[in-house]
Amino acid sequence: MKKKYTVLGLAIVLGLAAAAVAKEVCERRRRRAFERLSAASEEGYELAHDIIFPDKYPSKRNKKLRYGPVF
């Protein structure tokens, strides 16, 4: 009976450790995304998020996006 409780306890501890690691990974990704977006917003309109990080597959509405001054 003691062996059963040991295995059960080990499974619970490993499950909690895995959950903690997963939470930390998600938190770091969220923090990194927030830092990237805040850096883009602090720079102003010229370095807005859509210019720094353009879409991989731009749609037709992005034809009006200009890089640099428009004369």
Protein backbone atom coordinates (compact mmCIF):
# COMPACT_ATOMS: atom_id res chain seq x y z
CA MET A 1 0.00 0.00 0.00
CA LYS A 2 2.89 2.36 0.78
CA LYS A 3 4.29 1.95 -2.75
CA LYS A 4 0.93 3.02 -4.24
CA TYR A 5 0.97 6.27 -2.26
CA THR A 6 4.58 6.93 -3.27
CA VAL A 7 3.75 6.53 -6.96
CA LEU A 8 0.62 8.65 -6.58
CA GLY A 9 2.55 11.38 -4.76
CA LEU A 10 5.28 11.35 -7.39
CA ALA A 11 2.68 11.66 -10.15
CA ILE A 12 1.06 14.62 -8.39
CA VAL A 13 4.40 16.37 -7.86
CA LEU A 14 5.43 15.83 -11.50
CA GLY A 15 2.05 17.10 -12.70
CA LEU A 16 2.36 20.25 -10.61
CA ALA A 17 5.91 20.81 -11.85
CA ALA A 18 4.79 20.44 -15.48
CA ALA A 19 1.94 22.89 -14.90
CA ALA A 20 4.32 25.41 -13.32
CA VAL A 21 6.74 25.16 -16.26
CA ALA A 22 3.90 25.56 -18.78
CA LYS A 23 2.61 28.63 -16.92
CA GLU A 24 6.07 30.18 -16.89
CA VAL A 25 6.53 29.61 -20.63
CA CYS A 26 3.17 31.23 -21.38
CA GLU A 27 3.97 34.15 -19.12
CA ARG A 28 7.34 34.76 -20.81
CA ARG A 29 5.74 34.67 -24.27
CA ARG A 30 3.07 37.14 -23.16
CA ARG A 31 5.67 39.44 -21.60
CA ARG A 32 7.87 39.33 -24.72
CA ALA A 33 4.91 40.16 -26.97
CA PHE A 34 3.91 43.03 -24.68
CA GLU A 35 7.45 44.43 -24.70
CA ARG A 36 7.59 44.26 -28.50
CA LEU A 37 4.25 46.03 -28.88
CA SER A 38 5.08 48.68 -26.29
CA ALA A 39 8.42 49.40 -27.97
CA ALA A 40 6.63 49.90 -31.28
CA SER A 41 4.00 52.16 -29.71
CA GLU A 42 6.60 54.30 -27.94
CA GLU A 43 8.39 55.08 -31.19
CA GLY A 44 5.41 56.77 -32.76
CA TYR A 45 3.49 56.47 -35.99
CA GLU A 46 6.54 56.10 -38.25
CA LEU A 47 7.56 52.88 -36.51
CA ALA A 48 4.10 51.50 -35.87
CA HIS A 49 3.57 47.78 -35.39
CA ASP A 50 2.38 47.18 -38.96
CA ILE A 51 5.59 48.70 -40.33
CA ILE A 52 8.06 47.02 -37.97
CA PHE A 53 6.35 43.65 -38.19
CA PRO A 54 4.59 43.54 -41.60
CA ASP A 55 2.23 40.68 -42.41
CA LYS A 56 3.77 37.67 -44.11
CA TYR A 57 0.88 37.54 -46.54
CA PRO A 58 -0.30 41.10 -47.14
CA SER A 59 -3.81 41.64 -48.38
CA LYS A 60 -4.97 44.13 -50.99
CA ARG A 61 -5.78 46.76 -48.37
CA ASN A 62 -2.09 47.08 -47.46
CA LYS A 63 -1.21 48.68 -50.82
CA LYS A 64 -1.62 52.11 -49.26
CA LEU A 65 1.12 51.43 -46.71
CA ARG A 66 4.18 53.50 -47.60
CA TYR A 67 7.68 53.17 -46.20
CA GLY A 68 9.31 56.54 -45.78
CA PRO A 69 7.97 59.98 -46.71
CA VAL A 70 5.15 60.31 -49.22
CA PHE A 71 5.40 63.18 -51.69
